[in-house]
Amino acid sequence: MKLLKDILTEDNNETYCAARVCAIAALFGFLGIAFVHVLHGNPIDFSQLGIGFGTVLGGSGVMIGAKAATQKDGSDVSPSN
């Protein structure tokens, strides 16, 4: 559970990062849709699956990178007093 919290939170390990939470939700949503597609007996096209998976991961990386680039250094760290 600590690993998941470390992945989803900001540098202070308290505030959840919206970009990371959305990326995990998109990843699980994509894999869930693919799983349901196979359960219904539909054929699977691995090239299209790979393109879709790459798109989700690439978009998530861009979103997380853009958020990190616009965040000020130490802006989410509370004062020590």
N, C-alpha and C. Protein backbone atom coordinates (compact mmCIF):
# COMPACT_ATOMS: atom_id res chain seq x y z
N MET A 1 0.82 -1.20 0.00
CA MET A 1 0.00 0.00 0.00
C MET A 1 0.86 1.26 0.00
N LYS A 2 2.01 1.20 0.69
CA LYS A 2 2.91 2.35 0.72
C LYS A 2 3.47 2.64 -0.66
N LEU A 3 3.76 1.59 -1.43
CA LEU A 3 4.28 1.77 -2.79
C LEU A 3 3.27 2.52 -3.65
N LEU A 4 2.00 2.12 -3.56
CA LEU A 4 0.96 2.79 -4.34
C LEU A 4 0.82 4.25 -3.92
N LYS A 5 0.89 4.52 -2.62
CA LYS A 5 0.80 5.90 -2.15
C LYS A 5 2.00 6.72 -2.62
N ASP A 6 3.20 6.11 -2.62
CA ASP A 6 4.39 6.81 -3.10
C ASP A 6 4.29 7.13 -4.58
N ILE A 7 3.67 6.25 -5.35
CA ILE A 7 3.51 6.47 -6.78
C ILE A 7 2.51 7.59 -7.06
N LEU A 8 1.44 7.64 -6.30
CA LEU A 8 0.34 8.56 -6.60
C LEU A 8 0.44 9.92 -5.93
N THR A 9 1.37 10.12 -5.00
CA THR A 9 1.42 11.39 -4.28
C THR A 9 2.54 12.29 -4.78
N GLU A 10 2.46 13.55 -4.35
CA GLU A 10 3.48 14.55 -4.68
C GLU A 10 4.74 14.27 -3.85
N ASP A 11 5.68 15.22 -3.87
CA ASP A 11 6.95 15.06 -3.16
C ASP A 11 6.78 14.97 -1.65
N ASN A 12 5.71 15.55 -1.12
CA ASN A 12 5.52 15.52 0.34
C ASN A 12 4.84 14.24 0.82
N ASN A 13 4.47 13.35 -0.08
CA ASN A 13 3.81 12.07 0.22
C ASN A 13 2.48 12.23 0.97
N GLU A 14 1.85 13.37 0.85
CA GLU A 14 0.55 13.60 1.47
C GLU A 14 -0.49 13.99 0.43
N THR A 15 -0.11 14.85 -0.51
CA THR A 15 -1.03 15.38 -1.51
C THR A 15 -1.03 14.47 -2.73
N TYR A 16 -2.22 14.03 -3.13
CA TYR A 16 -2.31 13.18 -4.32
C TYR A 16 -2.15 14.03 -5.58
N CYS A 17 -1.38 13.53 -6.52
CA CYS A 17 -1.12 14.20 -7.79
C CYS A 17 -2.25 13.84 -8.76
N ALA A 18 -3.00 14.84 -9.21
CA ALA A 18 -4.13 14.60 -10.10
C ALA A 18 -3.69 13.95 -11.41
N ALA A 19 -2.55 14.35 -11.93
CA ALA A 19 -2.07 13.79 -13.19
C ALA A 19 -1.75 12.30 -13.04
N ARG A 20 -1.15 11.92 -11.96
CA ARG A 20 -0.81 10.51 -11.74
C ARG A 20 -2.05 9.67 -11.49
N VAL A 21 -3.00 10.21 -10.74
CA VAL A 21 -4.25 9.48 -10.49
C VAL A 21 -5.01 9.28 -11.80
N CYS A 22 -5.07 10.31 -12.63
CA CYS A 22 -5.74 10.19 -13.93
C CYS A 22 -5.01 9.19 -14.83
N ALA A 23 -3.69 9.17 -14.77
CA ALA A 23 -2.93 8.23 -15.59
C ALA A 23 -3.22 6.78 -15.18
N ILE A 24 -3.27 6.52 -13.89
CA ILE A 24 -3.58 5.16 -13.41
C ILE A 24 -5.01 4.78 -13.79
N ALA A 25 -5.95 5.72 -13.66
CA ALA A 25 -7.33 5.44 -14.04
C ALA A 25 -7.45 5.15 -15.54
N ALA A 26 -6.75 5.91 -16.36
CA ALA A 26 -6.78 5.68 -17.81
C ALA A 26 -6.16 4.33 -18.16
N LEU A 27 -5.09 3.98 -17.49
CA LEU A 27 -4.43 2.69 -17.76
C LEU A 27 -5.35 1.53 -17.40
N PHE A 28 -5.94 1.57 -16.21
CA PHE A 28 -6.85 0.50 -15.82
C PHE A 28 -8.11 0.49 -16.67
N GLY A 29 -8.59 1.65 -17.06
CA GLY A 29 -9.75 1.71 -17.95
C GLY A 29 -9.46 1.09 -19.30
N PHE A 30 -8.31 1.40 -19.86
CA PHE A 30 -7.92 0.83 -21.16
C PHE A 30 -7.81 -0.68 -21.07
N LEU A 31 -7.11 -1.18 -20.05
CA LEU A 31 -6.95 -2.62 -19.91
C LEU A 31 -8.28 -3.31 -19.61
N GLY A 32 -9.15 -2.65 -18.85
CA GLY A 32 -10.47 -3.21 -18.57
C GLY A 32 -11.33 -3.33 -19.82
N ILE A 33 -11.30 -2.32 -20.66
CA ILE A 33 -12.07 -2.37 -21.90
C ILE A 33 -11.55 -3.49 -22.80
N ALA A 34 -10.23 -3.62 -22.89
CA ALA A 34 -9.64 -4.70 -23.69
C ALA A 34 -10.04 -6.07 -23.14
N PHE A 35 -10.05 -6.22 -21.81
CA PHE A 35 -10.42 -7.49 -21.18
C PHE A 35 -11.87 -7.84 -21.47
N VAL A 36 -12.78 -6.87 -21.34
CA VAL A 36 -14.19 -7.11 -21.61
C VAL A 36 -14.40 -7.45 -23.08
N HIS A 37 -13.65 -6.81 -23.95
CA HIS A 37 -13.72 -7.08 -25.38
C HIS A 37 -13.40 -8.55 -25.66
N VAL A 38 -12.37 -9.07 -25.01
CA VAL A 38 -11.99 -10.48 -25.19
C VAL A 38 -13.01 -11.40 -24.55
N LEU A 39 -13.55 -11.02 -23.39
CA LEU A 39 -14.55 -11.86 -22.72
C LEU A 39 -15.80 -12.06 -23.58
N HIS A 40 -16.14 -11.09 -24.37
CA HIS A 40 -17.32 -11.20 -25.24
C HIS A 40 -17.03 -12.00 -26.50
N GLY A 41 -15.83 -12.54 -26.62
CA GLY A 41 -15.50 -13.40 -27.74
C GLY A 41 -15.05 -12.68 -28.99
N ASN A 42 -14.80 -11.41 -28.89
CA ASN A 42 -14.34 -10.66 -30.05
C ASN A 42 -12.86 -10.93 -30.29
N PRO A 43 -12.44 -10.98 -31.55
CA PRO A 43 -11.02 -11.19 -31.81
C PRO A 43 -10.22 -9.96 -31.39
N ILE A 44 -8.97 -10.19 -31.01
CA ILE A 44 -8.13 -9.09 -30.56
C ILE A 44 -7.04 -8.83 -31.60
N ASP A 45 -6.86 -7.57 -31.90
CA ASP A 45 -5.82 -7.15 -32.84
C ASP A 45 -4.68 -6.56 -32.01
N PHE A 46 -3.57 -7.30 -31.93
CA PHE A 46 -2.48 -6.90 -31.06
C PHE A 46 -1.79 -5.62 -31.52
N SER A 47 -1.81 -5.36 -32.81
CA SER A 47 -1.19 -4.11 -33.27
C SER A 47 -2.01 -2.90 -32.80
N GLN A 48 -3.32 -3.00 -32.88
CA GLN A 48 -4.17 -1.91 -32.39
C GLN A 48 -4.10 -1.79 -30.87
N LEU A 49 -4.00 -2.94 -30.20
CA LEU A 49 -3.85 -2.92 -28.74
C LEU A 49 -2.55 -2.21 -28.35
N GLY A 50 -1.47 -2.51 -29.05
CA GLY A 50 -0.19 -1.87 -28.78
C GLY A 50 -0.21 -0.38 -29.05
N ILE A 51 -0.87 0.02 -30.13
CA ILE A 51 -0.98 1.46 -30.45
C ILE A 51 -1.78 2.18 -29.37
N GLY A 52 -2.88 1.58 -28.95
CA GLY A 52 -3.71 2.19 -27.91
C GLY A 52 -2.98 2.27 -26.58
N PHE A 53 -2.27 1.20 -26.22
CA PHE A 53 -1.53 1.18 -24.96
C PHE A 53 -0.41 2.22 -24.98
N GLY A 54 0.28 2.32 -26.09
CA GLY A 54 1.33 3.32 -26.24
C GLY A 54 0.79 4.73 -26.16
N THR A 55 -0.39 4.94 -26.73
CA THR A 55 -1.02 6.26 -26.68
C THR A 55 -1.39 6.64 -25.24
N VAL A 56 -1.94 5.69 -24.50
CA VAL A 56 -2.29 5.97 -23.10
C VAL A 56 -1.05 6.27 -22.29
N LEU A 57 0.00 5.47 -22.46
CA LEU A 57 1.23 5.71 -21.70
C LEU A 57 1.91 7.00 -22.12
N GLY A 58 1.94 7.27 -23.42
CA GLY A 58 2.57 8.51 -23.90
C GLY A 58 1.82 9.74 -23.44
N GLY A 59 0.50 9.71 -23.53
CA GLY A 59 -0.31 10.84 -23.06
C GLY A 59 -0.17 11.06 -21.57
N SER A 60 -0.10 9.97 -20.82
CA SER A 60 0.08 10.07 -19.37
C SER A 60 1.44 10.68 -19.03
N GLY A 61 2.47 10.28 -19.76
CA GLY A 61 3.79 10.83 -19.53
C GLY A 61 3.86 12.31 -19.83
N VAL A 62 3.20 12.72 -20.91
CA VAL A 62 3.16 14.15 -21.26
C VAL A 62 2.42 14.93 -20.19
N MET A 63 1.30 14.38 -19.71
CA MET A 63 0.51 15.07 -18.69
C MET A 63 1.30 15.21 -17.38
N ILE A 64 1.96 14.15 -16.96
CA ILE A 64 2.75 14.20 -15.73
C ILE A 64 3.94 15.14 -15.90
N GLY A 65 4.59 15.09 -17.05
CA GLY A 65 5.73 15.98 -17.31
C GLY A 65 5.34 17.45 -17.36
N ALA A 66 4.18 17.74 -17.97
CA ALA A 66 3.71 19.12 -18.04
C ALA A 66 3.38 19.65 -16.66
N LYS A 67 2.78 18.80 -15.82
CA LYS A 67 2.47 19.23 -14.46
C LYS A 67 3.75 19.50 -13.67
N ALA A 68 4.73 18.62 -13.83
CA ALA A 68 6.00 18.80 -13.10
C ALA A 68 6.74 20.04 -13.59
N ALA A 69 6.64 20.37 -14.87
CA ALA A 69 7.34 21.53 -15.41
C ALA A 69 6.72 22.85 -14.94
N THR A 70 5.42 22.84 -14.69
CA THR A 70 4.75 24.07 -14.28
C THR A 70 4.73 24.25 -12.76
N GLN A 71 5.14 23.23 -12.03
CA GLN A 71 5.14 23.31 -10.57
C GLN A 71 6.41 23.99 -10.08
N LYS A 72 6.27 24.89 -9.14
CA LYS A 72 7.42 25.58 -8.57
C LYS A 72 8.17 24.64 -7.63
N ASP A 73 9.48 24.83 -7.52
CA ASP A 73 10.28 24.00 -6.62
C ASP A 73 9.88 24.25 -5.19
N GLY A 74 9.53 23.15 -4.50
CA GLY A 74 9.19 23.25 -3.09
C GLY A 74 7.83 23.87 -2.82
N SER A 75 7.00 24.00 -3.83
CA SER A 75 5.71 24.67 -3.63
C SER A 75 4.74 23.81 -2.83
N ASP A 76 4.94 22.50 -2.80
CA ASP A 76 4.01 21.65 -2.07
C ASP A 76 4.55 21.22 -0.71
N VAL A 77 5.67 21.80 -0.30
CA VAL A 77 6.26 21.48 0.99
C VAL A 77 5.80 22.49 2.02
N SER A 78 5.25 22.01 3.12
CA SER A 78 4.74 22.93 4.13
C SER A 78 5.90 23.53 4.93
N PRO A 79 5.72 24.73 5.49
CA PRO A 79 6.78 25.36 6.29
C PRO A 79 7.11 24.53 7.52
N SER A 80 8.35 24.60 7.95
CA SER A 80 8.79 23.74 9.06
C SER A 80 8.46 24.30 10.44
N ASN A 81 7.98 25.53 10.49
CA ASN A 81 7.66 26.08 11.80
C ASN A 81 6.45 25.37 12.33
